[in-house]
Amino acid sequence: MFEKLSSEKVVSVTCMSVAGINRLFKKHCGVTAIQWREEKRIAHACYRLIHTEKRVC
């Protein structure tokens, strides 16, 4: 689906610290990067449960 993006990769591209990136992300998105990622993962799982024949167990 998407390429895995590590904090180290973002740091090297942006020339910012991990803490600086986290502050900027939270300022613009209202949640931390980890919270955002988890919300996206849950939304994707819900979509797959609703729109496919896949089961939880």
C-alpha atoms as a PDB file:
ATOM      1  CA  MET A   1       0.000   0.000   0.000  1.00  0.00           C
ATOM      2  CA  PHE A   2       2.468   2.638   1.172  1.00  0.00           C
ATOM      3  CA  GLU A   3       6.186   2.685   1.749  1.00  0.00           C
ATOM      4  CA  LYS A   4       7.099   2.488   5.427  1.00  0.00           C
ATOM      5  CA  LEU A   5       8.257   5.855   6.628  1.00  0.00           C
ATOM      6  CA  SER A   6      10.577   5.927   9.599  1.00  0.00           C
ATOM      7  CA  SER A   7      11.239   8.930  11.780  1.00  0.00           C
ATOM      8  CA  GLU A   8      14.907   8.631  10.833  1.00  0.00           C
ATOM      9  CA  LYS A   9      14.029   8.997   7.159  1.00  0.00           C
ATOM     10  CA  VAL A  10      11.885  12.073   7.845  1.00  0.00           C
ATOM     11  CA  VAL A  11      14.659  13.595   9.974  1.00  0.00           C
ATOM     12  CA  SER A  12      17.212  13.127   7.202  1.00  0.00           C
ATOM     13  CA  VAL A  13      14.945  14.695   4.577  1.00  0.00           C
ATOM     14  CA  THR A  14      13.713  17.649   6.648  1.00  0.00           C
ATOM     15  CA  CYS A  15      16.875  18.401   8.636  1.00  0.00           C
ATOM     16  CA  MET A  16      14.715  18.657  11.770  1.00  0.00           C
ATOM     17  CA  SER A  17      14.886  16.731  15.026  1.00  0.00           C
ATOM     18  CA  VAL A  18      12.349  14.022  15.832  1.00  0.00           C
ATOM     19  CA  ALA A  19      10.954  16.228  18.611  1.00  0.00           C
ATOM     20  CA  GLY A  20      10.625  19.157  16.198  1.00  0.00           C
ATOM     21  CA  ILE A  21       8.799  17.041  13.644  1.00  0.00           C
ATOM     22  CA  ASN A  22       6.464  15.702  16.331  1.00  0.00           C
ATOM     23  CA  ARG A  23       5.653  19.221  17.567  1.00  0.00           C
ATOM     24  CA  LEU A  24       5.008  20.445  14.024  1.00  0.00           C
ATOM     25  CA  PHE A  25       2.812  17.441  13.216  1.00  0.00           C
ATOM     26  CA  LYS A  26       0.713  17.887  16.356  1.00  0.00           C
ATOM     27  CA  LYS A  27       0.407  21.637  15.758  1.00  0.00           C
ATOM     28  CA  HIS A  28      -0.954  21.137  12.236  1.00  0.00           C
ATOM     29  CA  CYS A  29      -2.929  17.901  12.678  1.00  0.00           C
ATOM     30  CA  GLY A  30      -4.132  18.259  16.264  1.00  0.00           C
ATOM     31  CA  VAL A  31      -2.901  14.782  17.213  1.00  0.00           C
ATOM     32  CA  THR A  32       0.465  13.084  17.475  1.00  0.00           C
ATOM     33  CA  ALA A  33       1.798  11.119  14.528  1.00  0.00           C
ATOM     34  CA  ILE A  34       1.214   7.870  16.424  1.00  0.00           C
ATOM     35  CA  GLN A  35      -2.418   8.786  17.192  1.00  0.00           C
ATOM     36  CA  TRP A  36      -2.952   9.753  13.551  1.00  0.00           C
ATOM     37  CA  ARG A  37      -1.453   6.472  12.335  1.00  0.00           C
ATOM     38  CA  GLU A  38      -3.624   4.416  14.695  1.00  0.00           C
ATOM     39  CA  GLU A  39      -6.774   6.269  13.611  1.00  0.00           C
ATOM     40  CA  LYS A  40      -5.936   5.550   9.958  1.00  0.00           C
ATOM     41  CA  ARG A  41      -5.230   1.880  10.686  1.00  0.00           C
ATOM     42  CA  ILE A  42      -8.533   1.476  12.552  1.00  0.00           C
ATOM     43  CA  ALA A  43     -10.468   3.282   9.819  1.00  0.00           C
ATOM     44  CA  HIS A  44      -8.900   1.020   7.186  1.00  0.00           C
ATOM     45  CA  ALA A  45      -9.730  -2.098   9.232  1.00  0.00           C
ATOM     46  CA  CYS A  46     -13.347  -0.934   9.624  1.00  0.00           C
ATOM     47  CA  TYR A  47     -13.589  -0.299   5.901  1.00  0.00           C
ATOM     48  CA  ARG A  48     -12.310  -3.798   5.135  1.00  0.00           C
ATOM     49  CA  LEU A  49     -14.774  -5.372   7.589  1.00  0.00           C
ATOM     50  CA  ILE A  50     -17.693  -3.495   6.064  1.00  0.00           C
ATOM     51  CA  HIS A  51     -16.787  -3.848   2.374  1.00  0.00           C
ATOM     52  CA  THR A  52     -15.257  -7.313   2.181  1.00  0.00           C
ATOM     53  CA  GLU A  53     -16.138 -10.806   3.292  1.00  0.00           C
ATOM     54  CA  LYS A  54     -13.164 -10.888   5.667  1.00  0.00           C
ATOM     55  CA  ARG A  55     -13.841 -11.843   9.273  1.00  0.00           C
ATOM     56  CA  VAL A  56     -12.211 -10.828  12.533  1.00  0.00           C
ATOM     57  CA  CYS A  57     -11.325 -14.393  13.552  1.00  0.00           C
END
